[in-house]
C-alpha atoms as a PDB file:
ATOM      1  CA  MET A   1       0.000   0.000   0.000  1.00  0.00           C
ATOM      2  CA  PHE A   2       2.862   2.403   0.853  1.00  0.00           C
ATOM      3  CA  LYS A   3       4.500   1.839  -2.548  1.00  0.00           C
ATOM      4  CA  PHE A   4       1.228   2.680  -4.278  1.00  0.00           C
ATOM      5  CA  ALA A   5       0.887   5.960  -2.358  1.00  0.00           C
ATOM      6  CA  VAL A   6       4.447   6.974  -3.219  1.00  0.00           C
ATOM      7  CA  LEU A   7       3.958   6.036  -6.877  1.00  0.00           C
ATOM      8  CA  ALA A   8       0.684   7.985  -7.027  1.00  0.00           C
ATOM      9  CA  ALA A   9       2.320  11.055  -5.484  1.00  0.00           C
ATOM     10  CA  LEU A  10       5.193  10.909  -7.976  1.00  0.00           C
ATOM     11  CA  CYS A  11       2.808  10.575 -10.919  1.00  0.00           C
ATOM     12  CA  LEU A  12       0.741  13.502  -9.681  1.00  0.00           C
ATOM     13  CA  ALA A  13       3.839  15.677  -9.268  1.00  0.00           C
ATOM     14  CA  ALA A  14       5.071  14.702 -12.737  1.00  0.00           C
ATOM     15  CA  SER A  15       1.728  15.542 -14.331  1.00  0.00           C
ATOM     16  CA  PHE A  16       1.699  19.015 -12.768  1.00  0.00           C
ATOM     17  CA  THR A  17       5.268  19.654 -13.883  1.00  0.00           C
ATOM     18  CA  MET A  18       4.681  18.463 -17.447  1.00  0.00           C
ATOM     19  CA  ALA A  19       1.418  20.370 -17.809  1.00  0.00           C
ATOM     20  CA  GLY A  20       3.073  23.593 -16.730  1.00  0.00           C
ATOM     21  CA  SER A  21       0.603  24.023 -13.884  1.00  0.00           C
ATOM     22  CA  PHE A  22       3.229  23.709 -11.227  1.00  0.00           C
ATOM     23  CA  THR A  23       6.199  26.038 -11.044  1.00  0.00           C
ATOM     24  CA  LEU A  24       8.708  26.773  -8.356  1.00  0.00           C
ATOM     25  CA  LEU A  25       8.363  30.169  -6.734  1.00  0.00           C
ATOM     26  CA  PRO A  26      11.080  32.623  -7.750  1.00  0.00           C
ATOM     27  CA  LYS A  27      13.709  33.614  -5.259  1.00  0.00           C
ATOM     28  CA  PRO A  28      12.666  36.876  -3.558  1.00  0.00           C
ATOM     29  CA  LEU A  29      14.403  39.949  -4.916  1.00  0.00           C
ATOM     30  CA  SER A  30      16.849  41.744  -2.708  1.00  0.00           C
ATOM     31  CA  LEU A  31      15.402  45.086  -1.741  1.00  0.00           C
ATOM     32  CA  SER A  32      18.648  46.882  -2.575  1.00  0.00           C
ATOM     33  CA  VAL A  33      19.146  45.510  -6.112  1.00  0.00           C
ATOM     34  CA  ARG A  34      17.310  46.886  -9.128  1.00  0.00           C
ATOM     35  CA  PRO A  35      15.800  44.135 -11.260  1.00  0.00           C
ATOM     36  CA  ASP A  36      16.508  45.987 -14.488  1.00  0.00           C
ATOM     37  CA  THR A  37      19.972  46.716 -15.761  1.00  0.00           C
ATOM     38  CA  ASP A  38      19.036  49.669 -17.920  1.00  0.00           C
ATOM     39  CA  PRO A  39      20.419  52.855 -16.328  1.00  0.00           C
ATOM     40  CA  ALA A  40      17.683  54.846 -18.086  1.00  0.00           C
ATOM     41  CA  CYS A  41      15.111  53.147 -15.830  1.00  0.00           C
ATOM     42  CA  ASN A  42      15.801  55.437 -12.906  1.00  0.00           C
ATOM     43  CA  VAL A  43      12.329  56.652 -11.919  1.00  0.00           C
ATOM     44  CA  LYS A  44      11.532  55.420  -8.388  1.00  0.00           C
ATOM     45  CA  GLY A  45       7.953  54.357  -7.686  1.00  0.00           C
ATOM     46  CA  ASN A  46       7.225  54.665  -3.975  1.00  0.00           C
ATOM     47  CA  ILE A  47       4.070  53.982  -1.939  1.00  0.00           C
ATOM     48  CA  SER A  48       3.398  56.345   0.956  1.00  0.00           C
ATOM     49  CA  SER A  49       3.245  54.426   4.219  1.00  0.00           C
ATOM     50  CA  SER A  50       0.855  56.975   5.721  1.00  0.00           C
ATOM     51  CA  THR A  51      -1.590  57.474   2.841  1.00  0.00           C
ATOM     52  CA  GLY A  52      -0.982  54.538   0.495  1.00  0.00           C
ATOM     53  CA  LYS A  53      -0.623  56.929  -2.452  1.00  0.00           C
ATOM     54  CA  ARG A  54       1.622  55.870  -5.326  1.00  0.00           C
ATOM     55  CA  ILE A  55       4.239  58.557  -5.935  1.00  0.00           C
ATOM     56  CA  TYR A  56       7.209  58.574  -8.292  1.00  0.00           C
ATOM     57  CA  TYR A  57      10.492  60.462  -8.008  1.00  0.00           C
ATOM     58  CA  VAL A  58      12.917  61.437 -10.766  1.00  0.00           C
ATOM     59  CA  PRO A  59      16.652  62.098 -10.379  1.00  0.00           C
ATOM     60  CA  GLY A  60      17.398  65.572  -9.080  1.00  0.00           C
ATOM     61  CA  GLU A  61      14.310  65.833  -6.895  1.00  0.00           C
ATOM     62  CA  GLN A  62      14.753  66.632  -3.222  1.00  0.00           C
ATOM     63  CA  GLN A  63      13.730  63.184  -1.892  1.00  0.00           C
ATOM     64  CA  TYR A  64      15.129  61.057  -4.751  1.00  0.00           C
ATOM     65  CA  ASP A  65      18.332  59.907  -3.021  1.00  0.00           C
ATOM     66  CA  ALA A  66      16.554  59.162   0.272  1.00  0.00           C
ATOM     67  CA  THR A  67      13.760  57.188  -1.434  1.00  0.00           C
ATOM     68  CA  ARG A  68      14.151  53.407  -1.400  1.00  0.00           C
ATOM     69  CA  VAL A  69      12.219  51.012  -3.633  1.00  0.00           C
ATOM     70  CA  ASN A  70      10.783  48.183  -1.528  1.00  0.00           C
ATOM     71  CA  TYR A  71       9.485  45.423  -3.815  1.00  0.00           C
ATOM     72  CA  SER A  72       7.650  43.614  -1.023  1.00  0.00           C
ATOM     73  CA  ARG A  73       5.399  46.681  -0.595  1.00  0.00           C
ATOM     74  CA  GLY A  74       4.626  46.885  -4.315  1.00  0.00           C
ATOM     75  CA  GLU A  75       7.090  49.668  -5.074  1.00  0.00           C
ATOM     76  CA  ARG A  76       9.001  49.568  -8.351  1.00  0.00           C
ATOM     77  CA  TRP A  77      11.265  51.267 -10.878  1.00  0.00           C
ATOM     78  CA  PHE A  78      10.015  52.885 -14.078  1.00  0.00           C
ATOM     79  CA  CYS A  79      11.876  53.721 -17.277  1.00  0.00           C
ATOM     80  CA  SER A  80      10.055  57.024 -17.780  1.00  0.00           C
ATOM     81  CA  GLU A  81       7.593  59.380 -16.169  1.00  0.00           C
ATOM     82  CA  THR A  82       5.115  58.369 -18.868  1.00  0.00           C
ATOM     83  CA  ASP A  83       5.395  54.720 -17.778  1.00  0.00           C
ATOM     84  CA  ALA A  84       4.829  55.699 -14.134  1.00  0.00           C
ATOM     85  CA  GLN A  85       1.792  57.821 -14.990  1.00  0.00           C
ATOM     86  CA  ALA A  86       0.333  55.083 -17.196  1.00  0.00           C
ATOM     87  CA  ALA A  87       0.619  52.693 -14.242  1.00  0.00           C
ATOM     88  CA  GLY A  88      -1.349  55.101 -12.049  1.00  0.00           C
ATOM     89  CA  TRP A  89       1.459  56.812 -10.109  1.00  0.00           C
ATOM     90  CA  ARG A  90       1.652  60.586  -9.635  1.00  0.00           C
ATOM     91  CA  LYS A  91       4.725  62.806  -9.606  1.00  0.00           C
ATOM     92  CA  SER A  92       6.195  63.847  -6.273  1.00  0.00           C
ATOM     93  CA  GLN A  93       5.334  67.363  -5.200  1.00  0.00           C
ATOM     94  CA  ALA A  94       8.828  67.850  -3.750  1.00  0.00           C
ATOM     95  CA  GLN A  95      11.129  69.769  -6.055  1.00  0.00           C
END
């Protein structure tokens, strides 16, 4: 009976793998490493911890250097202000 249960479990696992329904979860991203390698993608998308608003910062703005992108909170990098706006983020009011 034990051999049958093991064989059934192996067959089930193989069928999920072959059908593409089962995938391993990706390794979590480090919060200090940008996922893109394009230096032009330097717009920081940040989510306000107090209001939940989605705000983006561009290089040269007052808070740009202090702003950190935390992927686990849904923050991200954008390649342009247009991309950030299209995703529903608004420009920082800090100059």
